[in-house]
C-alpha atoms as a PDB file:
ATOM      1  CA  MET A   1      90.708  99.389 119.589  1.00  0.00           C
ATOM      2  CA  ILE A   2      92.989 102.508 119.591  1.00  0.00           C
ATOM      3  CA  LEU A   3      92.944 105.381 117.018  1.00  0.00           C
ATOM      4  CA  THR A   4      96.395 107.244 116.769  1.00  0.00           C
ATOM      5  CA  ILE A   5      96.844 110.524 114.783  1.00  0.00           C
ATOM      6  CA  ASP A   6      99.412 112.009 113.381  1.00  0.00           C
ATOM      7  CA  VAL A   7      98.992 115.528 112.255  1.00  0.00           C
ATOM      8  CA  GLY A   8     101.791 116.487 109.390  1.00  0.00           C
ATOM      9  CA  ASN A   9     102.263 119.835 107.860  1.00  0.00           C
ATOM     10  CA  THR A  10     101.091 118.517 104.468  1.00  0.00           C
ATOM     11  CA  SER A  11      99.071 115.278 105.504  1.00  0.00           C
ATOM     12  CA  THR A  12      97.066 113.868 108.333  1.00  0.00           C
ATOM     13  CA  ALA A  13      97.563 110.188 108.993  1.00  0.00           C
ATOM     14  CA  CYS A  14      95.540 107.772 111.203  1.00  0.00           C
ATOM     15  CA  GLY A  15      96.031 104.188 112.755  1.00  0.00           C
ATOM     16  CA  LEU A  16      93.681 102.198 114.025  1.00  0.00           C
ATOM     17  CA  PHE A  17      95.015  99.277 116.419  1.00  0.00           C
ATOM     18  CA  GLU A  18      93.574  95.951 117.641  1.00  0.00           C
ATOM     19  CA  GLY A  19      95.795  95.022 120.350  1.00  0.00           C
ATOM     20  CA  ASP A  20      99.337  95.616 119.383  1.00  0.00           C
ATOM     21  CA  GLU A  21      98.242  95.213 115.710  1.00  0.00           C
ATOM     22  CA  CYS A  22      97.581  98.344 113.029  1.00  0.00           C
ATOM     23  CA  VAL A  23      94.570  97.323 111.083  1.00  0.00           C
ATOM     24  CA  LEU A  24      93.792 100.285 109.378  1.00  0.00           C
ATOM     25  CA  ARG A  25      95.823 103.329 108.125  1.00  0.00           C
ATOM     26  CA  PHE A  26      94.159 106.318 105.964  1.00  0.00           C
ATOM     27  CA  ARG A  27      94.994 110.006 105.672  1.00  0.00           C
ATOM     28  CA  ARG A  28      93.923 113.018 104.575  1.00  0.00           C
ATOM     29  CA  ALA A  29      95.364 116.626 103.809  1.00  0.00           C
ATOM     30  CA  THR A  30      95.827 118.957 106.565  1.00  0.00           C
ATOM     31  CA  ASP A  31      94.131 121.712 106.563  1.00  0.00           C
ATOM     32  CA  ILE A  32      94.242 124.172 109.243  1.00  0.00           C
ATOM     33  CA  ASN A  33      91.038 125.726 108.328  1.00  0.00           C
ATOM     34  CA  SER A  34      89.406 122.420 108.986  1.00  0.00           C
ATOM     35  CA  SER A  35      86.348 122.751 111.588  1.00  0.00           C
ATOM     36  CA  SER A  36      86.030 120.052 114.519  1.00  0.00           C
ATOM     37  CA  ASP A  37      82.510 119.368 112.420  1.00  0.00           C
ATOM     38  CA  GLU A  38      84.660 118.409 109.029  1.00  0.00           C
ATOM     39  CA  ILE A  39      87.307 116.531 110.956  1.00  0.00           C
ATOM     40  CA  GLY A  40      84.892 114.263 113.106  1.00  0.00           C
ATOM     41  CA  ILE A  41      82.551 113.422 109.948  1.00  0.00           C
ATOM     42  CA  PHE A  42      86.040 112.129 108.043  1.00  0.00           C
ATOM     43  CA  LEU A  43      87.107 110.049 110.943  1.00  0.00           C
ATOM     44  CA  ARG A  44      84.102 108.512 111.329  1.00  0.00           C
ATOM     45  CA  SER A  45      82.991 107.961 107.478  1.00  0.00           C
ATOM     46  CA  ALA A  46      86.764 106.582 107.068  1.00  0.00           C
ATOM     47  CA  LEU A  47      86.305 103.733 109.960  1.00  0.00           C
ATOM     48  CA  ARG A  48      82.800 102.888 108.849  1.00  0.00           C
ATOM     49  CA  GLU A  49      83.627 102.875 104.912  1.00  0.00           C
ATOM     50  CA  ASN A  50      86.580 100.466 105.966  1.00  0.00           C
ATOM     51  CA  GLY A  51      84.144  98.122 108.326  1.00  0.00           C
ATOM     52  CA  TYR A  52      84.894  99.335 111.551  1.00  0.00           C
ATOM     53  CA  ASP A  53      82.598 100.550 114.484  1.00  0.00           C
ATOM     54  CA  TRP A  54      83.674 103.939 115.757  1.00  0.00           C
ATOM     55  CA  GLN A  55      81.908 103.507 119.195  1.00  0.00           C
ATOM     56  CA  LYS A  56      84.689 100.640 120.059  1.00  0.00           C
ATOM     57  CA  ILE A  57      87.149 103.216 119.945  1.00  0.00           C
ATOM     58  CA  GLN A  58      88.439 103.155 123.855  1.00  0.00           C
ATOM     59  CA  LYS A  59      91.289 105.534 123.493  1.00  0.00           C
ATOM     60  CA  ILE A  60      92.548 108.271 121.349  1.00  0.00           C
ATOM     61  CA  GLY A  61      96.408 109.677 120.776  1.00  0.00           C
ATOM     62  CA  CYS A  62      97.391 112.306 118.806  1.00  0.00           C
ATOM     63  CA  CYS A  63     100.640 113.338 117.691  1.00  0.00           C
ATOM     64  CA  SER A  64     100.898 116.830 115.674  1.00  0.00           C
ATOM     65  CA  VAL A  65     103.166 119.615 114.615  1.00  0.00           C
ATOM     66  CA  VAL A  66     100.695 121.887 113.158  1.00  0.00           C
ATOM     67  CA  PRO A  67      99.123 123.995 116.655  1.00  0.00           C
ATOM     68  CA  ALA A  68      96.509 125.527 114.882  1.00  0.00           C
ATOM     69  CA  MET A  69      95.093 122.150 114.316  1.00  0.00           C
ATOM     70  CA  ASN A  70      95.063 120.729 117.912  1.00  0.00           C
ATOM     71  CA  HIS A  71      91.730 122.715 119.106  1.00  0.00           C
ATOM     72  CA  SER A  72      89.581 121.436 116.075  1.00  0.00           C
ATOM     73  CA  LEU A  73      90.924 118.313 116.435  1.00  0.00           C
ATOM     74  CA  ALA A  74      90.041 117.451 119.977  1.00  0.00           C
ATOM     75  CA  ASN A  75      86.980 118.670 119.628  1.00  0.00           C
ATOM     76  CA  ALA A  76      86.340 116.366 116.552  1.00  0.00           C
ATOM     77  CA  CYS A  77      87.470 113.401 118.771  1.00  0.00           C
ATOM     78  CA  ALA A  78      85.447 114.544 121.462  1.00  0.00           C
ATOM     79  CA  LYS A  79      82.163 115.439 119.806  1.00  0.00           C
ATOM     80  CA  TYR A  80      82.343 112.156 117.154  1.00  0.00           C
ATOM     81  CA  LEU A  81      84.033 109.571 118.494  1.00  0.00           C
ATOM     82  CA  GLY A  82      83.309 110.309 122.228  1.00  0.00           C
ATOM     83  CA  ARG A  83      86.667 110.373 123.653  1.00  0.00           C
ATOM     84  CA  GLU A  84      89.165 112.735 124.650  1.00  0.00           C
ATOM     85  CA  PRO A  85      92.347 112.685 122.892  1.00  0.00           C
ATOM     86  CA  LEU A  86      95.647 112.515 124.641  1.00  0.00           C
ATOM     87  CA  PHE A  87      98.197 114.681 122.756  1.00  0.00           C
ATOM     88  CA  ILE A  88     102.347 114.046 122.784  1.00  0.00           C
ATOM     89  CA  GLN A  89     103.768 117.060 124.453  1.00  0.00           C
ATOM     90  CA  ALA A  90     105.852 118.125 127.480  1.00  0.00           C
ATOM     91  CA  GLY A  91     105.091 116.473 130.738  1.00  0.00           C
ATOM     92  CA  ILE A  92     103.817 112.800 129.485  1.00  0.00           C
ATOM     93  CA  LYS A  93     105.952 109.800 130.321  1.00  0.00           C
ATOM     94  CA  THR A  94     107.803 108.986 127.155  1.00  0.00           C
ATOM     95  CA  GLY A  95     110.276 106.041 128.828  1.00  0.00           C
ATOM     96  CA  LEU A  96     112.792 108.225 127.093  1.00  0.00           C
ATOM     97  CA  LYS A  97     115.757 110.357 128.498  1.00  0.00           C
ATOM     98  CA  LEU A  98     115.684 113.753 126.591  1.00  0.00           C
ATOM     99  CA  ARG A  99     119.375 114.842 126.450  1.00  0.00           C
ATOM    100  CA  TYR A 100     118.245 118.095 124.664  1.00  0.00           C
ATOM    101  CA  SER A 101     118.922 121.941 126.172  1.00  0.00           C
ATOM    102  CA  ASN A 102     115.571 122.501 126.045  1.00  0.00           C
ATOM    103  CA  PRO A 103     113.061 119.145 125.857  1.00  0.00           C
ATOM    104  CA  LYS A 104     109.791 121.906 125.521  1.00  0.00           C
ATOM    105  CA  GLU A 105     111.490 122.117 121.671  1.00  0.00           C
ATOM    106  CA  ILE A 106     111.360 118.619 120.369  1.00  0.00           C
ATOM    107  CA  GLY A 107     108.916 117.972 117.800  1.00  0.00           C
ATOM    108  CA  ALA A 108     105.625 115.619 119.276  1.00  0.00           C
ATOM    109  CA  ASP A 109     106.686 113.178 116.015  1.00  0.00           C
ATOM    110  CA  LEU A 110     110.182 113.165 117.017  1.00  0.00           C
ATOM    111  CA  ILE A 111     109.314 112.035 120.059  1.00  0.00           C
ATOM    112  CA  ALA A 112     106.715 109.383 118.833  1.00  0.00           C
ATOM    113  CA  ALA A 113     109.073 108.111 116.209  1.00  0.00           C
ATOM    114  CA  ALA A 114     111.516 107.531 118.573  1.00  0.00           C
ATOM    115  CA  MET A 115     109.314 105.789 120.999  1.00  0.00           C
ATOM    116  CA  GLY A 116     108.033 103.765 118.489  1.00  0.00           C
ATOM    117  CA  ALA A 117     111.464 102.852 117.517  1.00  0.00           C
ATOM    118  CA  VAL A 118     112.526 101.988 120.601  1.00  0.00           C
ATOM    119  CA  GLN A 119     110.005  99.418 121.043  1.00  0.00           C
ATOM    120  CA  LEU A 120     110.564  97.693 117.982  1.00  0.00           C
ATOM    121  CA  TYR A 121     114.430  97.751 119.015  1.00  0.00           C
ATOM    122  CA  PRO A 122     114.951  97.635 122.516  1.00  0.00           C
ATOM    123  CA  GLU A 123     118.635  98.385 123.448  1.00  0.00           C
ATOM    124  CA  LYS A 124     119.922  99.614 119.808  1.00  0.00           C
ATOM    125  CA  ASN A 125     121.462 102.544 118.746  1.00  0.00           C
ATOM    126  CA  LEU A 126     118.862 104.042 116.383  1.00  0.00           C
ATOM    127  CA  ILE A 127     118.902 106.716 113.459  1.00  0.00           C
ATOM    128  CA  ILE A 128     115.780 107.319 112.404  1.00  0.00           C
ATOM    129  CA  ILE A 129     115.283 109.460 109.196  1.00  0.00           C
ATOM    130  CA  ASP A 130     111.327 110.930 108.641  1.00  0.00           C
ATOM    131  CA  MET A 131     111.018 111.628 105.232  1.00  0.00           C
ATOM    132  CA  GLY A 132     108.412 114.053 105.257  1.00  0.00           C
ATOM    133  CA  THR A 133     107.685 118.278 104.629  1.00  0.00           C
ATOM    134  CA  ALA A 134     111.062 118.364 106.617  1.00  0.00           C
ATOM    135  CA  ILE A 135     113.880 116.287 106.535  1.00  0.00           C
ATOM    136  CA  THR A 136     114.677 114.966 109.819  1.00  0.00           C
ATOM    137  CA  ALA A 137     117.530 112.689 111.651  1.00  0.00           C
ATOM    138  CA  GLU A 138     117.030 111.913 115.306  1.00  0.00           C
ATOM    139  CA  LEU A 139     119.408 109.780 117.545  1.00  0.00           C
ATOM    140  CA  VAL A 140     118.721 107.705 119.887  1.00  0.00           C
ATOM    141  CA  SER A 141     121.132 105.510 122.051  1.00  0.00           C
ATOM    142  CA  LYS A 142     120.894 102.048 123.328  1.00  0.00           C
ATOM    143  CA  ASN A 143     120.060 103.145 126.825  1.00  0.00           C
ATOM    144  CA  LYS A 144     116.846 104.938 125.449  1.00  0.00           C
ATOM    145  CA  GLU A 145     118.552 108.484 125.423  1.00  0.00           C
ATOM    146  CA  PHE A 146     117.206 110.729 122.820  1.00  0.00           C
ATOM    147  CA  LEU A 147     120.646 112.612 121.828  1.00  0.00           C
ATOM    148  CA  GLY A 148     119.291 115.008 119.194  1.00  0.00           C
ATOM    149  CA  GLY A 149     119.593 115.403 115.488  1.00  0.00           C
ATOM    150  CA  VAL A 150     119.149 117.652 112.016  1.00  0.00           C
ATOM    151  CA  ILE A 151     116.789 118.996 110.272  1.00  0.00           C
ATOM    152  CA  MET A 152     117.017 119.861 106.497  1.00  0.00           C
ATOM    153  CA  PRO A 153     114.181 120.795 103.991  1.00  0.00           C
ATOM    154  CA  GLY A 154     112.416 117.958 102.555  1.00  0.00           C
ATOM    155  CA  LEU A 155     112.002 117.237  98.787  1.00  0.00           C
ATOM    156  CA  LYS A 156     108.629 119.127  98.210  1.00  0.00           C
ATOM    157  CA  ILE A 157     109.953 122.207 100.263  1.00  0.00           C
ATOM    158  CA  SER A 158     112.952 122.002  97.936  1.00  0.00           C
ATOM    159  CA  VAL A 159     111.322 121.548  94.856  1.00  0.00           C
ATOM    160  CA  ASP A 160     108.914 124.251  95.729  1.00  0.00           C
ATOM    161  CA  ALA A 161     111.991 126.911  96.290  1.00  0.00           C
ATOM    162  CA  LEU A 162     113.458 126.179  93.145  1.00  0.00           C
ATOM    163  CA  ALA A 163     110.054 126.957  91.343  1.00  0.00           C
ATOM    164  CA  GLY A 164     109.777 129.800  93.306  1.00  0.00           C
ATOM    165  CA  GLY A 165     112.986 131.435  93.450  1.00  0.00           C
ATOM    166  CA  THR A 166     114.412 131.083  89.795  1.00  0.00           C
ATOM    167  CA  ALA A 167     112.685 132.537  86.648  1.00  0.00           C
ATOM    168  CA  ASN A 168     113.127 129.612  84.236  1.00  0.00           C
ATOM    169  CA  LEU A 169     112.815 126.499  86.722  1.00  0.00           C
ATOM    170  CA  THR A 170     109.366 124.805  87.324  1.00  0.00           C
ATOM    171  CA  SER A 171     108.127 122.432  89.752  1.00  0.00           C
ATOM    172  CA  VAL A 172     108.612 119.069  88.980  1.00  0.00           C
ATOM    173  CA  GLU A 173     107.247 115.562  90.228  1.00  0.00           C
ATOM    174  CA  ILE A 174     109.299 114.008  92.586  1.00  0.00           C
ATOM    175  CA  VAL A 175     110.606 110.742  91.402  1.00  0.00           C
ATOM    176  CA  ARG A 176     114.246 108.526  90.950  1.00  0.00           C
ATOM    177  CA  PRO A 177     115.530 109.589  87.907  1.00  0.00           C
ATOM    178  CA  GLU A 178     116.524 107.199  85.349  1.00  0.00           C
ATOM    179  CA  HIS A 179     120.303 108.678  85.175  1.00  0.00           C
ATOM    180  CA  VAL A 180     122.291 110.579  87.831  1.00  0.00           C
ATOM    181  CA  TYR A 181     121.938 113.804  85.705  1.00  0.00           C
ATOM    182  CA  GLY A 182     119.698 115.017  83.318  1.00  0.00           C
ATOM    183  CA  SER A 183     119.243 115.554  79.534  1.00  0.00           C
ATOM    184  CA  SER A 184     116.454 117.799  80.078  1.00  0.00           C
ATOM    185  CA  THR A 185     115.838 120.885  82.587  1.00  0.00           C
ATOM    186  CA  THR A 186     113.092 118.486  84.377  1.00  0.00           C
ATOM    187  CA  GLU A 187     115.261 115.690  84.576  1.00  0.00           C
ATOM    188  CA  ALA A 188     118.377 117.666  85.678  1.00  0.00           C
ATOM    189  CA  ILE A 189     115.944 119.214  88.718  1.00  0.00           C
ATOM    190  CA  GLN A 190     115.255 115.357  89.790  1.00  0.00           C
ATOM    191  CA  ALA A 191     118.625 114.130  90.150  1.00  0.00           C
ATOM    192  CA  GLY A 192     119.704 117.200  91.960  1.00  0.00           C
ATOM    193  CA  LEU A 193     116.885 116.528  94.416  1.00  0.00           C
ATOM    194  CA  TYR A 194     116.820 112.473  94.488  1.00  0.00           C
ATOM    195  CA  TYR A 195     120.845 112.376  94.714  1.00  0.00           C
ATOM    196  CA  GLY A 196     121.568 115.213  96.691  1.00  0.00           C
ATOM    197  CA  THR A 197     118.889 114.539  99.011  1.00  0.00           C
ATOM    198  CA  ALA A 198     120.336 110.603  99.247  1.00  0.00           C
ATOM    199  CA  GLY A 199     123.592 111.774  99.487  1.00  0.00           C
ATOM    200  CA  ALA A 200     123.364 114.173 102.371  1.00  0.00           C
ATOM    201  CA  VAL A 201     121.189 111.840 104.212  1.00  0.00           C
ATOM    202  CA  LYS A 202     123.995 109.178 103.860  1.00  0.00           C
ATOM    203  CA  GLU A 203     126.511 111.040 104.752  1.00  0.00           C
ATOM    204  CA  PHE A 204     124.803 112.126 108.161  1.00  0.00           C
ATOM    205  CA  CYS A 205     124.420 108.707 108.763  1.00  0.00           C
ATOM    206  CA  ASN A 206     127.742 107.751 108.296  1.00  0.00           C
ATOM    207  CA  LEU A 207     128.927 110.340 110.518  1.00  0.00           C
ATOM    208  CA  PHE A 208     126.535 109.586 113.098  1.00  0.00           C
ATOM    209  CA  LYS A 209     127.968 106.357 113.465  1.00  0.00           C
ATOM    210  CA  LYS A 210     131.309 107.441 113.720  1.00  0.00           C
ATOM    211  CA  ASN A 211     131.037 110.160 115.521  1.00  0.00           C
ATOM    212  CA  VAL A 212     128.364 109.600 117.914  1.00  0.00           C
ATOM    213  CA  PHE A 213     127.659 105.824 118.179  1.00  0.00           C
ATOM    214  CA  HIS A 214     131.623 105.348 117.551  1.00  0.00           C
ATOM    215  CA  GLY A 215     131.355 102.444 115.304  1.00  0.00           C
ATOM    216  CA  GLU A 216     128.788 100.154 117.330  1.00  0.00           C
ATOM    217  CA  ASP A 217     126.390  98.609 115.887  1.00  0.00           C
ATOM    218  CA  THR A 218     123.572 100.782 114.538  1.00  0.00           C
ATOM    219  CA  ILE A 219     120.310 100.368 112.665  1.00  0.00           C
ATOM    220  CA  ILE A 220     118.774 103.030 110.530  1.00  0.00           C
ATOM    221  CA  LEU A 221     115.290 103.336 109.925  1.00  0.00           C
ATOM    222  CA  GLY A 222     113.488 105.119 107.315  1.00  0.00           C
ATOM    223  CA  THR A 223     109.829 106.744 107.815  1.00  0.00           C
ATOM    224  CA  GLY A 224     107.832 109.642 106.230  1.00  0.00           C
ATOM    225  CA  GLY A 225     105.901 110.087 102.996  1.00  0.00           C
ATOM    226  CA  PHE A 226     109.212 110.295 100.708  1.00  0.00           C
ATOM    227  CA  ALA A 227     111.143 107.543 102.157  1.00  0.00           C
ATOM    228  CA  ARG A 228     109.874 104.583  99.720  1.00  0.00           C
ATOM    229  CA  THR A 229     111.236 106.465  97.158  1.00  0.00           C
ATOM    230  CA  PHE A 230     114.812 105.778  98.473  1.00  0.00           C
ATOM    231  CA  GLU A 231     114.167 101.955  98.904  1.00  0.00           C
ATOM    232  CA  ASP A 232     116.376 100.882  96.121  1.00  0.00           C
ATOM    233  CA  TYR A 233     118.966 103.105  96.996  1.00  0.00           C
ATOM    234  CA  ARG A 234     119.065 101.464 100.208  1.00  0.00           C
ATOM    235  CA  LEU A 235     119.407 104.471 102.786  1.00  0.00           C
ATOM    236  CA  PHE A 236     117.975 102.395 105.637  1.00  0.00           C
ATOM    237  CA  ASP A 237     118.139  99.097 107.210  1.00  0.00           C
ATOM    238  CA  LYS A 238     114.371  99.065 107.602  1.00  0.00           C
ATOM    239  CA  ILE A 239     111.287 101.110 106.516  1.00  0.00           C
ATOM    240  CA  ILE A 240     108.355 101.558 108.187  1.00  0.00           C
ATOM    241  CA  PRO A 241     105.848 103.996 107.079  1.00  0.00           C
ATOM    242  CA  GLY A 242     103.713 104.123 110.512  1.00  0.00           C
ATOM    243  CA  LEU A 243     106.176 104.658 112.849  1.00  0.00           C
ATOM    244  CA  VAL A 244     105.065 107.378 114.360  1.00  0.00           C
ATOM    245  CA  LEU A 245     101.263 106.130 114.570  1.00  0.00           C
ATOM    246  CA  SER A 246     103.154 103.405 116.489  1.00  0.00           C
ATOM    247  CA  GLY A 247     104.832 105.656 118.886  1.00  0.00           C
ATOM    248  CA  VAL A 248     101.681 107.411 119.623  1.00  0.00           C
ATOM    249  CA  LYS A 249     100.253 103.816 120.615  1.00  0.00           C
ATOM    250  CA  VAL A 250     103.117 103.482 122.812  1.00  0.00           C
ATOM    251  CA  ALA A 251     102.366 106.773 124.530  1.00  0.00           C
ATOM    252  CA  LEU A 252      98.837 105.825 125.078  1.00  0.00           C
ATOM    253  CA  ASP A 253      99.965 102.693 126.909  1.00  0.00           C
ATOM    254  CA  LEU A 254     102.402 104.348 129.023  1.00  0.00           C
ATOM    255  CA  ASN A 255     100.327 107.253 129.776  1.00  0.00           C
END
């Protein structure tokens, strides 16, 4: 069995693979103050409670955008699961051509998502939209070239910014509103967030198709915690919740 771990700013997702199949996904809140013991006990407990033996884990791969977590996570894996994890970072084999001015600046989650997407859709132009704490769009050509992308505030960041930066607006639940406008302050914020984000993502994808891929066939993939919120809006050709975890599995196979 192979365990993959994706440490995000808000939550940490884990995937357990048997062969190429992800048989279990589970997560916890990301807390930079967590000790290696807390993390290790959580990993063991989550596996045990779902009926899996941690001693059968052969490899562990990690993708982290929270450097402060890496030391504790590595120690947790070594102490409680008996394996030294591989972290996605500069220098590992990716199978991608990184067309970036400074490849070391590329987030580990972006690299992992691209690797997972290329495995699923080889020889295809890809736009990968990750709707997490931040919303990222990355472009991968049919020749496995990582071309770059865009980064914009995610839905939760936008909600927090409105609530924290204004005197009369409060935090709201992030949902698709019933109407395209609001008849209350809460509904107005929800409509602005939802349709504003959807419009931005849609416009970026149109621009990418026209100016980057020049009208060639392009697949738009959605991933991240809020991707399903936009499922009915049809922003994506396919939503793949565990795309980063699959990419970490690819990295382990290559390295």
